[in-house]
Structure formats: C-alpha cells, structure tokens
C-alpha cells in the first residue's frame, strides 16, 4: 500500500468521523428539544388537571426544561474534541476562573434561588393580583420562570421583573387571605345642607347597589347593626367631609362600585337639595382708595 492510498484512507476516515460527530450532535440537539417540549407538555397537562396550587408545578416545568437543555449542551460540547479539551482544561484550572464565573453569574443564580424561594414560601402565586407598594405597579401574576416573574397589568401590558428584584420588594397581595376589599367613598357637602339627610342618601345608594357586599355576621344583623358605616370625618374650608366604608367582593368590583356611587349619589343630592360646594373667593378692587368686594 503506497503513501497516497494510505493518506486517502486516513482522509476518508477523518471525514467519516466528522460526519458521525455531526450526526450525533444533531441527534442530541433534536432529542434535547423534543424531550424539553415533551416534559413541558406532560407537566402542563398535570397543571390543567390539578385542583391544587399550580405555582410549584409551573416552576418545576421551567426547572426540568432548563436542566434538559443544560445536559444537552454538555453532551454536545463533549462531542467536539476542541470544546471538550477546552472545557476539561477550564474545569481543571485554578479557582480563579471559578471565582470569575461565580461573579459573572451571580445575578443568574440569585434569580433562580429567588424563584425557588417564591414557589416554596408562596408570598404570591400564579393568578394572584399583587401591587408593588414602592413602585405602585399593579398586575396579575401570569408566570414564574427560573429568571423572572411575569405580570399582566390592568392595561393588558406585560411587565417582566427579575425574581431577585421582586423577592426584595414590599408587595401587597389581594389574594393572600381573601379578596373582599373595603373602599372609601368620600363626599363633601355645604354647611347649609342637612348632614343627616346626606348620610341617609349615601346609605341608601350603597345598600341599593347590586355589588354591595354585606360583611355583617348573623348576630350583628340580629342586633340591628348598620350595613354601611358613614361618618363625618372632617370640616373643610367650604364643606363638611363625609366618608362611607364600602365593602365589595374584590378590588375591581369595588372600583366599579365606587364609580357608580359617585354618579348616583350626585344625582340624589341634586334631586333632594344637598349641595356639593365649590370654592368661594372674595375679589377686592382698589380704586381711588375705595374698595369694592365681589363675592362670586
């Protein structure tokens, strides 16, 4: 066997080796994607059928998918000789590289750990309505991934917040105990108006609303407790300030109910002579040492 024939055989063997490697890498890649989607689909079916909290199942879906992709990438790296040698060299090198990688991926690991803590201790769950007190951001939790939490706001916009950030915020959770909420209905009346009659109108309009939520116990109802608490809370510059504590089954219903009450109470006040005051101003015109006062 001459040298050219031997070289040709070695070249063909090298090409075949590369082809086999490429086929193996392609198979690993396809298997990784397929297995990740299959795992997500399996967990999603469990989520759809689950009658319990789905937050942990949903987070586990992301964890399993991430783990599958991680091991798939590792397998692909070890199929490429150059990358395999480089990876082994990095792993066998001094701890300085590990420290650099640790600092570079600090936020990533912090987000993963924070996401794990959120799913374990459950300060909020998927489907909860939460509000960031400092930033005044309100939304419904749609997803908790390995890196971030997804909120959908009232305007149907999506806000992506890193888990590490959301884990360090003061959060108001409307669903953590119960959804019913107390809203303030504030109204001002003039000094000349009948306070008792104004309070009576407010009580009638609140209790007559279809979304009125009666929080009284049977014992309180039997004892004749008022269904709505209405009190005079202040004396303003031009008005008597009245407040009603209005309960609703949830925050959205409470907001809509408050809007309806503004309209209905204003209409009743107009019909029955209760004045909602506007500011009065005294204008003084000076002309040749004479003062003329005009009260609008």
Protein backbone atom coordinates (compact mmCIF):
# COMPACT_ATOMS: atom_id res chain seq x y z
CA UNK A 1 0.00 0.00 0.00
CA UNK A 2 1.60 3.24 -1.11
CA UNK A 3 1.56 6.53 0.74
CA UNK A 4 -1.14 8.17 -1.37
CA UNK A 5 -3.56 5.29 -0.78
CA UNK A 6 -2.90 5.39 2.97
CA UNK A 7 -3.41 9.16 3.00
CA UNK A 8 -6.69 8.78 1.11
CA UNK A 9 -7.93 6.17 3.58
CA UNK A 10 -6.99 8.37 6.54
CA UNK A 11 -8.70 11.36 4.94
CA UNK A 12 -11.86 9.35 4.30
CA UNK A 13 -11.79 8.07 7.89
CA UNK A 14 -11.42 11.62 9.19
CA UNK A 15 -14.35 12.82 7.06
CA UNK A 16 -16.47 9.90 8.24
CA UNK A 17 -15.57 10.72 11.83
CA UNK A 18 -16.70 14.33 11.34
CA UNK A 19 -19.93 13.20 9.69
CA UNK A 20 -20.65 10.79 12.54
CA UNK A 21 -19.93 13.54 15.07
CA UNK A 22 -22.27 15.94 13.25
CA UNK A 23 -25.00 13.29 13.13
CA UNK A 24 -24.56 12.58 16.85
CA UNK A 25 -24.68 16.31 17.67
CA UNK A 26 -27.80 16.74 15.53
CA UNK A 27 -29.45 13.76 17.22
CA UNK A 28 -28.59 15.13 20.68
CA UNK A 29 -29.95 18.57 19.74
CA UNK A 30 -33.21 17.16 18.35
CA UNK A 31 -33.58 14.82 21.34
CA UNK A 32 -32.99 17.73 23.75
CA UNK A 33 -35.61 19.95 22.13
CA UNK A 34 -38.09 17.07 21.83
CA UNK A 35 -37.57 15.93 25.43
CA UNK A 36 -37.91 19.50 26.72
CA UNK A 37 -41.19 20.03 24.86
CA UNK A 38 -42.46 16.61 25.94
CA UNK A 39 -41.66 17.39 29.57
CA UNK A 40 -43.37 20.78 29.37
CA UNK A 41 -46.43 19.21 27.76
CA UNK A 42 -46.59 16.48 30.42
CA UNK A 43 -46.33 18.96 33.29
CA UNK A 44 -48.80 21.32 31.60
CA UNK A 45 -51.37 18.52 31.45
CA UNK A 46 -50.88 17.98 35.17
CA UNK A 47 -51.33 21.72 35.69
CA UNK A 48 -54.55 21.81 33.65
CA UNK A 49 -55.98 18.89 35.62
CA UNK A 50 -54.68 19.97 39.03
CA UNK A 51 -57.21 21.23 41.57
CA UNK A 52 -54.39 22.48 43.82
CA UNK A 53 -51.98 25.38 43.59
CA UNK A 54 -50.22 25.30 40.21
CA UNK A 55 -47.34 27.62 41.07
CA UNK A 56 -44.89 24.87 42.07
CA UNK A 57 -45.84 22.67 39.11
CA UNK A 58 -45.33 25.54 36.70
CA UNK A 59 -41.94 26.41 38.22
CA UNK A 60 -40.94 22.73 38.09
CA UNK A 61 -41.76 22.76 34.38
CA UNK A 62 -39.19 25.50 33.84
CA UNK A 63 -36.62 23.75 36.07
CA UNK A 64 -36.90 20.45 34.19
CA UNK A 65 -36.76 22.18 30.82
CA UNK A 66 -33.66 24.13 31.87
CA UNK A 67 -31.97 21.01 33.19
CA UNK A 68 -32.63 19.12 29.95
CA UNK A 69 -31.14 21.92 27.85
CA UNK A 70 -28.15 22.16 30.21
CA UNK A 71 -27.27 18.49 29.92
CA UNK A 72 -27.96 18.58 26.19
CA UNK A 73 -25.40 21.38 25.76
CA UNK A 74 -22.89 19.45 27.90
CA UNK A 75 -23.29 16.37 25.71
CA UNK A 76 -22.82 18.43 22.54
CA UNK A 77 -19.68 20.06 23.97
CA UNK A 78 -18.16 16.65 24.75
CA UNK A 79 -18.81 15.52 21.19
CA UNK A 80 -16.50 18.24 19.83
CA UNK A 81 -12.90 17.43 20.63
CA UNK A 82 -11.67 21.03 20.78
CA UNK A 83 -14.54 22.17 23.05
CA UNK A 84 -14.14 19.05 25.17
CA UNK A 85 -10.44 19.74 25.71
CA UNK A 86 -11.12 23.39 26.49
CA UNK A 87 -13.89 22.52 28.95
CA UNK A 88 -11.72 19.95 30.75
CA UNK A 89 -8.85 22.44 30.91
CA UNK A 90 -11.11 25.10 32.41
CA UNK A 91 -12.51 22.69 34.98
CA UNK A 92 -9.01 21.51 35.91
CA UNK A 93 -7.54 25.02 36.13
CA UNK A 94 -7.14 27.16 39.22
CA UNK A 95 -10.02 28.50 41.26
CA UNK A 96 -9.61 31.99 39.79
CA UNK A 97 -11.73 31.02 36.78
CA UNK A 98 -14.40 29.66 39.08
CA UNK A 99 -14.43 32.92 41.02
CA UNK A 100 -14.76 34.95 37.80
CA UNK A 101 -17.60 32.75 36.59
CA UNK A 102 -19.20 33.00 40.01
CA UNK A 103 -19.23 36.79 39.94
CA UNK A 104 -20.41 36.85 36.32
CA UNK A 105 -23.34 34.54 37.03
CA UNK A 106 -24.20 35.91 40.46
CA UNK A 107 -27.40 37.59 39.30
CA UNK A 108 -28.47 34.49 37.38
CA UNK A 109 -28.12 32.24 40.40
CA UNK A 110 -29.75 34.87 42.60
CA UNK A 111 -32.78 34.92 40.29
CA UNK A 112 -33.01 31.12 40.28
CA UNK A 113 -32.75 30.88 44.06
CA UNK A 114 -35.26 33.73 44.49
CA UNK A 115 -37.68 31.98 42.13
CA UNK A 116 -37.28 28.79 44.17
CA UNK A 117 -37.99 30.67 47.39
CA UNK A 118 -41.08 32.27 45.85
CA UNK A 119 -42.51 28.88 44.89
CA UNK A 120 -41.67 27.35 48.29
CA UNK A 121 -42.84 30.11 50.63
CA UNK A 122 -45.55 31.46 48.27
CA UNK A 123 -45.73 35.20 49.02
CA UNK A 124 -47.80 35.17 45.84
CA UNK A 125 -48.99 32.57 43.37
CA UNK A 126 -49.90 32.40 39.71
CA UNK A 127 -53.22 34.18 39.29
CA UNK A 128 -52.75 36.45 42.32
CA UNK A 129 -53.26 40.19 41.99
CA UNK A 130 -50.26 41.93 43.53
CA UNK A 131 -49.04 45.51 43.86
CA UNK A 132 -45.53 46.83 44.43
CA UNK A 133 -46.00 49.42 47.15
CA UNK A 134 -42.87 51.46 46.42
CA UNK A 135 -43.33 51.50 42.63
CA UNK A 136 -47.16 51.44 42.62
CA UNK A 137 -47.23 48.68 39.97
CA UNK A 138 -50.38 46.55 39.96
CA UNK A 139 -50.86 43.33 37.99
CA UNK A 140 -51.83 39.67 37.90
CA UNK A 141 -49.07 37.05 38.14
CA UNK A 142 -49.04 35.05 34.91
CA UNK A 143 -45.80 33.07 35.20
CA UNK A 144 -42.78 32.47 37.44
CA UNK A 145 -39.77 31.27 35.44
CA UNK A 146 -36.22 30.47 36.50
CA UNK A 147 -35.16 34.06 35.92
CA UNK A 148 -38.16 36.36 36.15
CA UNK A 149 -41.80 36.82 37.10
CA UNK A 150 -44.35 37.95 34.50
CA UNK A 151 -47.14 40.37 35.49
CA UNK A 152 -50.12 41.41 33.38
CA UNK A 153 -51.36 44.89 34.25
CA UNK A 154 -54.90 46.28 34.05
CA UNK A 155 -53.93 47.84 30.70
CA UNK A 156 -53.13 44.28 29.46
CA UNK A 157 -49.41 45.06 29.32
CA UNK A 158 -46.80 42.55 30.46
CA UNK A 159 -44.11 43.53 32.95
CA UNK A 160 -41.03 41.30 33.29
CA UNK A 161 -39.41 41.54 36.74
CA UNK A 162 -36.27 39.59 37.79
CA UNK A 163 -37.00 37.22 40.67
CA UNK A 164 -34.16 38.70 42.70
CA UNK A 165 -35.77 42.16 42.48
CA UNK A 166 -39.32 41.03 43.22
CA UNK A 167 -38.09 38.98 46.18
CA UNK A 168 -36.80 42.14 47.88
CA UNK A 169 -39.87 44.33 47.34
CA UNK A 170 -42.77 45.20 49.64
CA UNK A 171 -45.74 43.53 47.97
CA UNK A 172 -49.45 43.88 48.60
CA UNK A 173 -51.24 40.65 47.71
CA UNK A 174 -55.01 40.98 47.27
CA UNK A 175 -55.44 37.18 47.18
CA UNK A 176 -53.26 36.05 50.05
CA UNK A 177 -56.11 35.82 52.54
CA UNK A 178 -59.36 36.85 50.89
CA UNK A 179 -60.43 39.06 48.03
CA UNK A 180 -63.09 41.22 49.66
CA UNK A 181 -61.98 44.80 49.99
CA UNK A 182 -63.12 47.97 51.74
CA UNK A 183 -63.04 51.17 49.71
CA UNK A 184 -63.58 54.74 50.88
CA UNK A 185 -66.41 56.72 49.35
CA UNK A 186 -65.73 60.37 50.16
CA UNK A 187 -68.10 63.24 49.51
CA UNK A 188 -68.30 66.90 50.55
CA UNK A 189 -71.48 68.83 51.35
CA UNK A 190 -72.04 72.52 52.08
CA UNK A 191 -72.52 73.92 55.57
CA UNK A 192 -76.15 74.73 54.76
CA UNK A 193 -77.01 71.14 53.78
CA UNK A 194 -78.71 68.62 56.08
CA UNK A 195 -75.94 66.26 57.25
CA UNK A 196 -78.27 63.51 58.49
CA UNK A 197 -80.22 63.50 55.25
CA UNK A 198 -77.00 63.33 53.22
CA UNK A 199 -75.82 60.34 55.28
CA UNK A 200 -79.20 58.68 54.77
CA UNK A 201 -78.95 59.12 50.99
CA UNK A 202 -75.44 57.66 50.91
CA UNK A 203 -76.54 54.60 52.91
CA UNK A 204 -79.49 54.02 50.61
CA UNK A 205 -77.39 54.28 47.46
CA UNK A 206 -74.70 51.95 48.80
CA UNK A 207 -77.05 49.23 50.07
CA UNK A 208 -79.13 49.50 46.89
CA UNK A 209 -76.17 48.84 44.62
CA UNK A 210 -76.14 45.33 43.10
CA UNK A 211 -72.49 44.78 44.09
CA UNK A 212 -72.94 45.78 47.72
CA UNK A 213 -71.17 43.27 49.98
CA UNK A 214 -72.65 42.90 53.45
CA UNK A 215 -69.91 41.84 55.91
CA UNK A 216 -72.19 41.73 58.96
CA UNK A 217 -72.47 38.47 60.86
CA UNK A 218 -75.87 36.95 61.64
CA UNK A 219 -75.50 38.12 65.21
CA UNK A 220 -74.79 41.70 64.09
CA UNK A 221 -77.77 41.65 61.73
CA UNK A 222 -79.99 40.37 64.57
CA UNK A 223 -78.73 43.17 66.82
CA UNK A 224 -79.56 45.76 64.15
CA UNK A 225 -76.02 46.81 63.20
CA UNK A 226 -75.83 49.26 60.30
CA UNK A 227 -74.92 47.62 56.96
CA UNK A 228 -72.85 50.66 55.93
CA UNK A 229 -70.74 52.83 58.19
CA UNK A 230 -70.98 56.52 57.26
CA UNK A 231 -69.35 59.22 59.37
CA UNK A 232 -68.42 62.89 59.27
CA UNK A 233 -64.63 62.82 59.09
CA UNK A 234 -63.71 66.49 58.84
CA UNK A 235 -64.65 70.12 58.44
CA UNK A 236 -63.09 71.76 55.40
CA UNK A 237 -62.72 75.35 54.33
CA UNK A 238 -66.03 75.30 52.48
CA UNK A 239 -67.51 71.88 53.24
CA UNK A 240 -68.44 69.13 55.65
CA UNK A 241 -66.50 65.98 54.70
CA UNK A 242 -68.33 62.64 54.86
CA UNK A 243 -66.90 59.17 54.35
CA UNK A 244 -68.60 55.81 53.78
CA UNK A 245 -66.82 52.48 54.24
CA UNK A 246 -67.99 50.44 51.25
CA UNK A 247 -67.23 46.71 51.00
CA UNK A 248 -67.02 44.74 47.74
CA UNK A 249 -66.12 41.16 46.85
CA UNK A 250 -62.83 42.18 45.15
CA UNK A 251 -60.83 45.26 44.20
CA UNK A 252 -62.12 45.51 40.61
CA UNK A 253 -65.74 45.28 41.76
CA UNK A 254 -65.01 47.86 44.45
CA UNK A 255 -63.59 50.28 41.90
CA UNK A 256 -66.60 49.92 39.58
CA UNK A 257 -68.98 50.25 42.51
CA UNK A 258 -67.28 53.45 43.67
CA UNK A 259 -67.63 54.94 40.17
CA UNK A 260 -71.35 54.11 40.12
CA UNK A 261 -71.87 55.65 43.57
CA UNK A 262 -70.28 58.93 42.54
CA UNK A 263 -72.91 59.28 39.82
CA UNK A 264 -75.93 58.02 41.78
CA UNK A 265 -75.18 59.98 44.96
CA UNK A 266 -74.61 63.19 42.96
CA UNK A 267 -77.96 62.72 41.21
CA UNK A 268 -79.76 62.10 44.54
CA UNK A 269 -78.11 65.14 46.09
CA UNK A 270 -79.30 67.30 43.19
CA UNK A 271 -82.85 65.96 43.48
CA UNK A 272 -83.10 66.41 47.25
CA UNK A 273 -81.32 69.71 47.73
CA UNK A 274 -77.97 68.57 49.13
CA UNK A 275 -75.31 70.93 47.83
CA UNK A 276 -71.80 69.81 46.91
CA UNK A 277 -69.91 73.10 47.41
CA UNK A 278 -67.39 74.78 45.19
CA UNK A 279 -64.73 77.21 46.44
CA UNK A 280 -65.77 80.79 47.14
CA UNK A 281 -63.34 83.64 46.54
CA UNK A 282 -63.50 87.30 47.54
CA UNK A 283 -62.06 89.72 44.99
CA UNK A 284 -61.05 93.24 46.14
CA UNK A 285 -60.62 96.05 43.58
CA UNK A 286 -58.90 99.22 44.80
CA UNK A 287 -59.86 102.43 43.01
CA UNK A 288 -59.14 105.89 44.46
CA UNK A 289 -58.90 104.44 47.96
CA UNK A 290 -62.29 102.79 47.54
CA UNK A 291 -62.65 99.03 47.97
CA UNK A 292 -65.28 97.08 46.07
CA UNK A 293 -65.81 93.48 47.16
CA UNK A 294 -67.26 90.92 44.77
CA UNK A 295 -68.34 87.51 46.02
CA UNK A 296 -68.94 85.07 43.15
